């Protein structure tokens, strides 16, 4: 699988500090490669959440990992 970012997710990445950006992208790539990481399925939605510190990435699993949104934990679920 490969990781695909939506335009909203790309904007979220640009707002993050560089060290967190590198870390969350590498965690998404690791999850796409072998399915490991701090990932849970969201209740009531066909989406998953990956956590890195105070940052969250919400994504869907279709054929690839499609990252819908990346934001701070206080804003991600709104």
PDB file of N, CA and C in Angstrom:
ATOM      1  N   UNK A   1       0.837  -1.186   0.000  1.00  0.00           N
ATOM      2  CA  UNK A   1       0.000   0.000   0.000  1.00  0.00           C
ATOM      3  C   UNK A   1       0.880   1.246   0.000  1.00  0.00           C
ATOM      4  N   UNK A   2       0.310   2.325  -0.501  1.00  0.00           N
ATOM      5  CA  UNK A   2       1.014   3.601  -0.442  1.00  0.00           C
ATOM      6  C   UNK A   2       0.154   4.621   0.281  1.00  0.00           C
ATOM      7  N   UNK A   3       0.751   5.726   0.670  1.00  0.00           N
ATOM      8  CA  UNK A   3       0.062   6.779   1.419  1.00  0.00           C
ATOM      9  C   UNK A   3      -0.281   7.915   0.456  1.00  0.00           C
ATOM     10  N   UNK A   4      -1.572   8.293   0.425  1.00  0.00           N
ATOM     11  CA  UNK A   4      -2.052   9.384  -0.420  1.00  0.00           C
ATOM     12  C   UNK A   4      -2.660  10.441   0.493  1.00  0.00           C
ATOM     13  N   UNK A   5      -2.292  11.701   0.289  1.00  0.00           N
ATOM     14  CA  UNK A   5      -2.774  12.801   1.124  1.00  0.00           C
ATOM     15  C   UNK A   5      -3.805  13.630   0.370  1.00  0.00           C
ATOM     16  N   UNK A   6      -4.917  13.948   1.032  1.00  0.00           N
ATOM     17  CA  UNK A   6      -5.887  14.881   0.463  1.00  0.00           C
ATOM     18  C   UNK A   6      -5.321  16.295   0.564  1.00  0.00           C
ATOM     19  N   UNK A   7      -5.953  17.244  -0.117  1.00  0.00           N
ATOM     20  CA  UNK A   7      -5.499  18.637  -0.039  1.00  0.00           C
ATOM     21  C   UNK A   7      -5.619  19.175   1.383  1.00  0.00           C
ATOM     22  N   UNK A   8      -6.682  18.788   2.090  1.00  0.00           N
ATOM     23  CA  UNK A   8      -6.868  19.221   3.482  1.00  0.00           C
ATOM     24  C   UNK A   8      -5.750  18.656   4.361  1.00  0.00           C
ATOM     25  N   UNK A   9      -5.382  17.408   4.131  1.00  0.00           N
ATOM     26  CA  UNK A   9      -4.299  16.793   4.905  1.00  0.00           C
ATOM     27  C   UNK A   9      -2.962  17.476   4.613  1.00  0.00           C
ATOM     28  N   UNK A  10      -2.734  17.850   3.363  1.00  0.00           N
ATOM     29  CA  UNK A  10      -1.494  18.557   3.014  1.00  0.00           C
ATOM     30  C   UNK A  10      -1.405  19.903   3.731  1.00  0.00           C
ATOM     31  N   UNK A  11      -2.534  20.612   3.820  1.00  0.00           N
ATOM     32  CA  UNK A  11      -2.553  21.881   4.557  1.00  0.00           C
ATOM     33  C   UNK A  11      -2.244  21.647   6.030  1.00  0.00           C
ATOM     34  N   UNK A  12      -2.810  20.567   6.587  1.00  0.00           N
ATOM     35  CA  UNK A  12      -2.528  20.234   7.983  1.00  0.00           C
ATOM     36  C   UNK A  12      -1.056  19.942   8.216  1.00  0.00           C
ATOM     37  N   UNK A  13      -0.427  19.247   7.266  1.00  0.00           N
ATOM     38  CA  UNK A  13       1.004  18.966   7.384  1.00  0.00           C
ATOM     39  C   UNK A  13       1.826  20.246   7.382  1.00  0.00           C
ATOM     40  N   UNK A  14       1.444  21.199   6.545  1.00  0.00           N
ATOM     41  CA  UNK A  14       2.198  22.456   6.465  1.00  0.00           C
ATOM     42  C   UNK A  14       2.122  23.254   7.758  1.00  0.00           C
ATOM     43  N   UNK A  15       1.052  23.076   8.520  1.00  0.00           N
ATOM     44  CA  UNK A  15       0.872  23.818   9.772  1.00  0.00           C
ATOM     45  C   UNK A  15       1.633  23.198  10.946  1.00  0.00           C
ATOM     46  N   UNK A  16       2.127  21.985  10.768  1.00  0.00           N
ATOM     47  CA  UNK A  16       2.816  21.281  11.845  1.00  0.00           C
ATOM     48  C   UNK A  16       4.283  21.683  11.920  1.00  0.00           C
ATOM     49  N   UNK A  17       4.893  21.547  13.100  1.00  0.00           N
ATOM     50  CA  UNK A  17       6.350  21.696  13.182  1.00  0.00           C
ATOM     51  C   UNK A  17       7.030  20.603  12.348  1.00  0.00           C
ATOM     52  N   UNK A  18       8.194  20.905  11.817  1.00  0.00           N
ATOM     53  CA  UNK A  18       8.881  19.995  10.898  1.00  0.00           C
ATOM     54  C   UNK A  18       9.163  18.637  11.534  1.00  0.00           C
ATOM     55  N   UNK A  19       9.587  18.607  12.784  1.00  0.00           N
ATOM     56  CA  UNK A  19       9.915  17.329  13.421  1.00  0.00           C
ATOM     57  C   UNK A  19       8.677  16.446  13.545  1.00  0.00           C
ATOM     58  N   UNK A  20       7.542  17.039  13.906  1.00  0.00           N
ATOM     59  CA  UNK A  20       6.300  16.271  14.000  1.00  0.00           C
ATOM     60  C   UNK A  20       5.829  15.832  12.619  1.00  0.00           C
ATOM     61  N   UNK A  21       6.026  16.680  11.622  1.00  0.00           N
ATOM     62  CA  UNK A  21       5.626  16.355  10.247  1.00  0.00           C
ATOM     63  C   UNK A  21       6.368  15.116   9.755  1.00  0.00           C
ATOM     64  N   UNK A  22       7.678  15.105   9.961  1.00  0.00           N
ATOM     65  CA  UNK A  22       8.490  13.963   9.533  1.00  0.00           C
ATOM     66  C   UNK A  22       8.058  12.702  10.275  1.00  0.00           C
ATOM     67  N   UNK A  23       7.809  12.826  11.567  1.00  0.00           N
ATOM     68  CA  UNK A  23       7.439  11.664  12.380  1.00  0.00           C
ATOM     69  C   UNK A  23       6.089  11.091  11.971  1.00  0.00           C
ATOM     70  N   UNK A  24       5.085  11.939  11.737  1.00  0.00           N
ATOM     71  CA  UNK A  24       3.758  11.417  11.418  1.00  0.00           C
ATOM     72  C   UNK A  24       3.732  10.806  10.020  1.00  0.00           C
ATOM     73  N   UNK A  25       4.485  11.384   9.080  1.00  0.00           N
ATOM     74  CA  UNK A  25       4.561  10.799   7.737  1.00  0.00           C
ATOM     75  C   UNK A  25       5.255   9.443   7.795  1.00  0.00           C
ATOM     76  N   UNK A  26       6.313   9.323   8.584  1.00  0.00           N
ATOM     77  CA  UNK A  26       6.997   8.029   8.689  1.00  0.00           C
ATOM     78  C   UNK A  26       6.111   6.990   9.375  1.00  0.00           C
ATOM     79  N   UNK A  27       5.302   7.412  10.356  1.00  0.00           N
ATOM     80  CA  UNK A  27       4.376   6.476  11.003  1.00  0.00           C
ATOM     81  C   UNK A  27       3.295   6.017  10.032  1.00  0.00           C
ATOM     82  N   UNK A  28       2.810   6.922   9.193  1.00  0.00           N
ATOM     83  CA  UNK A  28       1.816   6.541   8.183  1.00  0.00           C
ATOM     84  C   UNK A  28       2.420   5.576   7.166  1.00  0.00           C
ATOM     85  N   UNK A  29       3.653   5.828   6.751  1.00  0.00           N
ATOM     86  CA  UNK A  29       4.321   4.929   5.807  1.00  0.00           C
ATOM     87  C   UNK A  29       4.575   3.562   6.426  1.00  0.00           C
ATOM     88  N   UNK A  30       4.951   3.537   7.711  1.00  0.00           N
ATOM     89  CA  UNK A  30       5.166   2.255   8.391  1.00  0.00           C
ATOM     90  C   UNK A  30       3.862   1.481   8.499  1.00  0.00           C
ATOM     91  N   UNK A  31       2.756   2.185   8.819  1.00  0.00           N
ATOM     92  CA  UNK A  31       1.462   1.516   8.893  1.00  0.00           C
ATOM     93  C   UNK A  31       1.071   0.957   7.526  1.00  0.00           C
ATOM     94  N   UNK A  32       1.316   1.708   6.465  1.00  0.00           N
ATOM     95  CA  UNK A  32       0.990   1.238   5.120  1.00  0.00           C
ATOM     96  C   UNK A  32       1.819   0.010   4.751  1.00  0.00           C
ATOM     97  N   UNK A  33       3.056  -0.044   5.224  1.00  0.00           N
ATOM     98  CA  UNK A  33       3.946  -1.149   4.886  1.00  0.00           C
ATOM     99  C   UNK A  33       3.631  -2.421   5.660  1.00  0.00           C
ATOM    100  N   UNK A  34       3.450  -2.306   6.985  1.00  0.00           N
ATOM    101  CA  UNK A  34       3.293  -3.530   7.772  1.00  0.00           C
ATOM    102  C   UNK A  34       2.122  -3.528   8.751  1.00  0.00           C
ATOM    103  N   UNK A  35       1.321  -2.474   8.775  1.00  0.00           N
ATOM    104  CA  UNK A  35       0.112  -2.469   9.605  1.00  0.00           C
ATOM    105  C   UNK A  35       0.340  -2.226  11.084  1.00  0.00           C
ATOM    106  N   UNK A  36       1.517  -1.724  11.464  1.00  0.00           N
ATOM    107  CA  UNK A  36       1.780  -1.469  12.878  1.00  0.00           C
ATOM    108  C   UNK A  36       1.685   0.021  13.178  1.00  0.00           C
ATOM    109  N   UNK A  37       1.415   0.334  14.433  1.00  0.00           N
ATOM    110  CA  UNK A  37       1.357   1.723  14.863  1.00  0.00           C
ATOM    111  C   UNK A  37       0.208   1.956  15.813  1.00  0.00           C
ATOM    112  N   UNK A  38       0.121   3.160  16.315  1.00  0.00           N
ATOM    113  CA  UNK A  38      -0.934   3.542  17.256  1.00  0.00           C
ATOM    114  C   UNK A  38      -2.175   3.940  16.459  1.00  0.00           C
ATOM    115  N   UNK A  39      -2.884   2.934  15.949  1.00  0.00           N
ATOM    116  CA  UNK A  39      -4.030   3.154  15.062  1.00  0.00           C
ATOM    117  C   UNK A  39      -5.259   2.498  15.665  1.00  0.00           C
ATOM    118  N   UNK A  40      -6.374   3.230  15.664  1.00  0.00           N
ATOM    119  CA  UNK A  40      -7.653   2.642  16.066  1.00  0.00           C
ATOM    120  C   UNK A  40      -8.703   3.004  15.030  1.00  0.00           C
ATOM    121  N   UNK A  41      -9.743   2.176  14.954  1.00  0.00           N
ATOM    122  CA  UNK A  41     -10.864   2.464  14.070  1.00  0.00           C
ATOM    123  C   UNK A  41     -11.794   3.433  14.780  1.00  0.00           C
ATOM    124  N   UNK A  42     -12.276   4.439  14.059  1.00  0.00           N
ATOM    125  CA  UNK A  42     -13.200   5.406  14.637  1.00  0.00           C
ATOM    126  C   UNK A  42     -14.604   4.814  14.678  1.00  0.00           C
ATOM    127  N   UNK A  43     -15.326   5.059  15.747  1.00  0.00           N
ATOM    128  CA  UNK A  43     -16.663   4.513  15.942  1.00  0.00           C
ATOM    129  C   UNK A  43     -17.644   5.238  15.029  1.00  0.00           C
ATOM    130  N   UNK A  44     -18.459   4.473  14.313  1.00  0.00           N
ATOM    131  CA  UNK A  44     -19.504   5.049  13.484  1.00  0.00           C
ATOM    132  C   UNK A  44     -19.029   5.597  12.155  1.00  0.00           C
ATOM    133  N   UNK A  45     -17.764   5.427  11.826  1.00  0.00           N
ATOM    134  CA  UNK A  45     -17.216   5.914  10.563  1.00  0.00           C
ATOM    135  C   UNK A  45     -16.300   4.843   9.977  1.00  0.00           C
ATOM    136  N   UNK A  46     -16.166   4.823   8.661  1.00  0.00           N
ATOM    137  CA  UNK A  46     -15.232   3.851   8.053  1.00  0.00           C
ATOM    138  C   UNK A  46     -13.810   4.405   7.994  1.00  0.00           C
ATOM    139  N   UNK A  47     -13.376   5.055   9.066  1.00  0.00           N
ATOM    140  CA  UNK A  47     -12.072   5.709   9.096  1.00  0.00           C
ATOM    141  C   UNK A  47     -11.253   5.234  10.290  1.00  0.00           C
ATOM    142  N   UNK A  48      -9.966   5.529  10.225  1.00  0.00           N
ATOM    143  CA  UNK A  48      -9.029   5.164  11.273  1.00  0.00           C
ATOM    144  C   UNK A  48      -8.281   6.403  11.735  1.00  0.00           C
ATOM    145  N   UNK A  49      -7.688   6.307  12.929  1.00  0.00           N
ATOM    146  CA  UNK A  49      -6.944   7.414  13.514  1.00  0.00           C
ATOM    147  C   UNK A  49      -5.544   6.953  13.871  1.00  0.00           C
ATOM    148  N   UNK A  50      -4.549   7.740  13.475  1.00  0.00           N
ATOM    149  CA  UNK A  50      -3.171   7.504  13.879  1.00  0.00           C
ATOM    150  C   UNK A  50      -2.746   8.665  14.765  1.00  0.00           C
ATOM    151  N   UNK A  51      -2.082   8.347  15.868  1.00  0.00           N
ATOM    152  CA  UNK A  51      -1.720   9.361  16.858  1.00  0.00           C
ATOM    153  C   UNK A  51      -0.207   9.558  16.905  1.00  0.00           C
ATOM    154  N   UNK A  52       0.184  10.833  16.986  1.00  0.00           N
ATOM    155  CA  UNK A  52       1.585  11.195  17.227  1.00  0.00           C
ATOM    156  C   UNK A  52       1.583  12.412  18.137  1.00  0.00           C
ATOM    157  N   UNK A  53       1.898  12.221  19.405  1.00  0.00           N
ATOM    158  CA  UNK A  53       1.884  13.325  20.366  1.00  0.00           C
ATOM    159  C   UNK A  53       0.504  13.960  20.429  1.00  0.00           C
ATOM    160  N   UNK A  54       0.418  15.261  20.155  1.00  0.00           N
ATOM    161  CA  UNK A  54      -0.873  15.958  20.166  1.00  0.00           C
ATOM    162  C   UNK A  54      -1.482  16.035  18.767  1.00  0.00           C
ATOM    163  N   UNK A  55      -0.841  15.407  17.789  1.00  0.00           N
ATOM    164  CA  UNK A  55      -1.316  15.441  16.407  1.00  0.00           C
ATOM    165  C   UNK A  55      -2.034  14.152  16.050  1.00  0.00           C
ATOM    166  N   UNK A  56      -3.072  14.267  15.217  1.00  0.00           N
ATOM    167  CA  UNK A  56      -3.846  13.113  14.775  1.00  0.00           C
ATOM    168  C   UNK A  56      -3.960  13.121  13.255  1.00  0.00           C
ATOM    169  N   UNK A  57      -3.908  11.948  12.669  1.00  0.00           N
ATOM    170  CA  UNK A  57      -4.154  11.780  11.238  1.00  0.00           C
ATOM    171  C   UNK A  57      -5.363  10.862  11.101  1.00  0.00           C
ATOM    172  N   UNK A  58      -6.370  11.306  10.383  1.00  0.00           N
ATOM    173  CA  UNK A  58      -7.559  10.499  10.126  1.00  0.00           C
ATOM    174  C   UNK A  58      -7.465  10.021   8.684  1.00  0.00           C
ATOM    175  N   UNK A  59      -7.613   8.708   8.494  1.00  0.00           N
ATOM    176  CA  UNK A  59      -7.448   8.164   7.150  1.00  0.00           C
ATOM    177  C   UNK A  59      -8.430   7.039   6.887  1.00  0.00           C
ATOM    178  N   UNK A  60      -8.566   6.707   5.602  1.00  0.00           N
ATOM    179  CA  UNK A  60      -9.409   5.606   5.150  1.00  0.00           C
ATOM    180  C   UNK A  60      -8.513   4.559   4.501  1.00  0.00           C
ATOM    181  N   UNK A  61      -8.928   3.320   4.601  1.00  0.00           N
ATOM    182  CA  UNK A  61      -8.227   2.232   3.924  1.00  0.00           C
ATOM    183  C   UNK A  61      -9.093   1.774   2.763  1.00  0.00           C
ATOM    184  N   UNK A  62      -8.703   2.111   1.574  1.00  0.00           N
ATOM    185  CA  UNK A  62      -9.414   1.640   0.388  1.00  0.00           C
ATOM    186  C   UNK A  62      -8.490   0.610  -0.250  1.00  0.00           C
ATOM    187  N   UNK A  63      -7.738   0.979  -1.245  1.00  0.00           N
ATOM    188  CA  UNK A  63      -6.658   0.127  -1.741  1.00  0.00           C
ATOM    189  C   UNK A  63      -5.332   0.596  -1.156  1.00  0.00           C
ATOM    190  N   UNK A  64      -5.306   1.872  -0.812  1.00  0.00           N
ATOM    191  CA  UNK A  64      -4.134   2.500  -0.212  1.00  0.00           C
ATOM    192  C   UNK A  64      -4.568   3.203   1.069  1.00  0.00           C
ATOM    193  N   UNK A  65      -3.623   3.829   1.741  1.00  0.00           N
ATOM    194  CA  UNK A  65      -3.935   4.643   2.919  1.00  0.00           C
ATOM    195  C   UNK A  65      -4.228   6.052   2.408  1.00  0.00           C
ATOM    196  N   UNK A  66      -5.499   6.464   2.449  1.00  0.00           N
ATOM    197  CA  UNK A  66      -5.910   7.788   1.979  1.00  0.00           C
ATOM    198  C   UNK A  66      -6.102   8.680   3.196  1.00  0.00           C
ATOM    199  N   UNK A  67      -5.162   9.608   3.418  1.00  0.00           N
ATOM    200  CA  UNK A  67      -5.196  10.489   4.588  1.00  0.00           C
ATOM    201  C   UNK A  67      -6.168  11.621   4.302  1.00  0.00           C
ATOM    202  N   UNK A  68      -7.247  11.682   5.094  1.00  0.00           N
ATOM    203  CA  UNK A  68      -8.301  12.668   4.909  1.00  0.00           C
ATOM    204  C   UNK A  68      -7.934  13.984   5.567  1.00  0.00           C
ATOM    205  N   UNK A  69      -7.387  13.917   6.793  1.00  0.00           N
ATOM    206  CA  UNK A  69      -7.149  15.139   7.559  1.00  0.00           C
ATOM    207  C   UNK A  69      -6.041  14.912   8.576  1.00  0.00           C
ATOM    208  N   UNK A  70      -5.245  15.946   8.817  1.00  0.00           N
ATOM    209  CA  UNK A  70      -4.233  15.941   9.870  1.00  0.00           C
ATOM    210  C   UNK A  70      -4.396  17.242  10.636  1.00  0.00           C
ATOM    211  N   UNK A  71      -4.541  17.134  11.958  1.00  0.00           N
ATOM    212  CA  UNK A  71      -4.747  18.335  12.770  1.00  0.00           C
ATOM    213  C   UNK A  71      -4.373  18.051  14.218  1.00  0.00           C
ATOM    214  N   UNK A  72      -4.383  19.103  15.025  1.00  0.00           N
ATOM    215  CA  UNK A  72      -4.160  19.006  16.461  1.00  0.00           C
ATOM    216  C   UNK A  72      -5.323  18.231  17.076  1.00  0.00           C
ATOM    217  N   UNK A  73      -5.089  17.553  18.166  1.00  0.00           N
ATOM    218  CA  UNK A  73      -6.128  16.709  18.765  1.00  0.00           C
ATOM    219  C   UNK A  73      -7.366  17.490  19.184  1.00  0.00           C
ATOM    220  N   UNK A  74      -7.230  18.780  19.502  1.00  0.00           N
ATOM    221  CA  UNK A  74      -8.400  19.564  19.909  1.00  0.00           C
ATOM    222  C   UNK A  74      -9.297  19.909  18.726  1.00  0.00           C
ATOM    223  N   UNK A  75      -8.776  19.813  17.498  1.00  0.00           N
ATOM    224  CA  UNK A  75      -9.532  20.215  16.310  1.00  0.00           C
ATOM    225  C   UNK A  75      -9.914  19.072  15.378  1.00  0.00           C
ATOM    226  N   UNK A  76      -9.301  17.929  15.508  1.00  0.00           N
ATOM    227  CA  UNK A  76      -9.428  16.881  14.493  1.00  0.00           C
ATOM    228  C   UNK A  76     -10.828  16.294  14.382  1.00  0.00           C
ATOM    229  N   UNK A  77     -11.554  16.173  15.465  1.00  0.00           N
ATOM    230  CA  UNK A  77     -12.841  15.481  15.423  1.00  0.00           C
ATOM    231  C   UNK A  77     -14.013  16.423  15.214  1.00  0.00           C
ATOM    232  N   UNK A  78     -13.768  17.685  14.947  1.00  0.00           N
ATOM    233  CA  UNK A  78     -14.847  18.656  14.742  1.00  0.00           C
ATOM    234  C   UNK A  78     -15.321  18.650  13.322  1.00  0.00           C
TER     235      UNK A  78
END
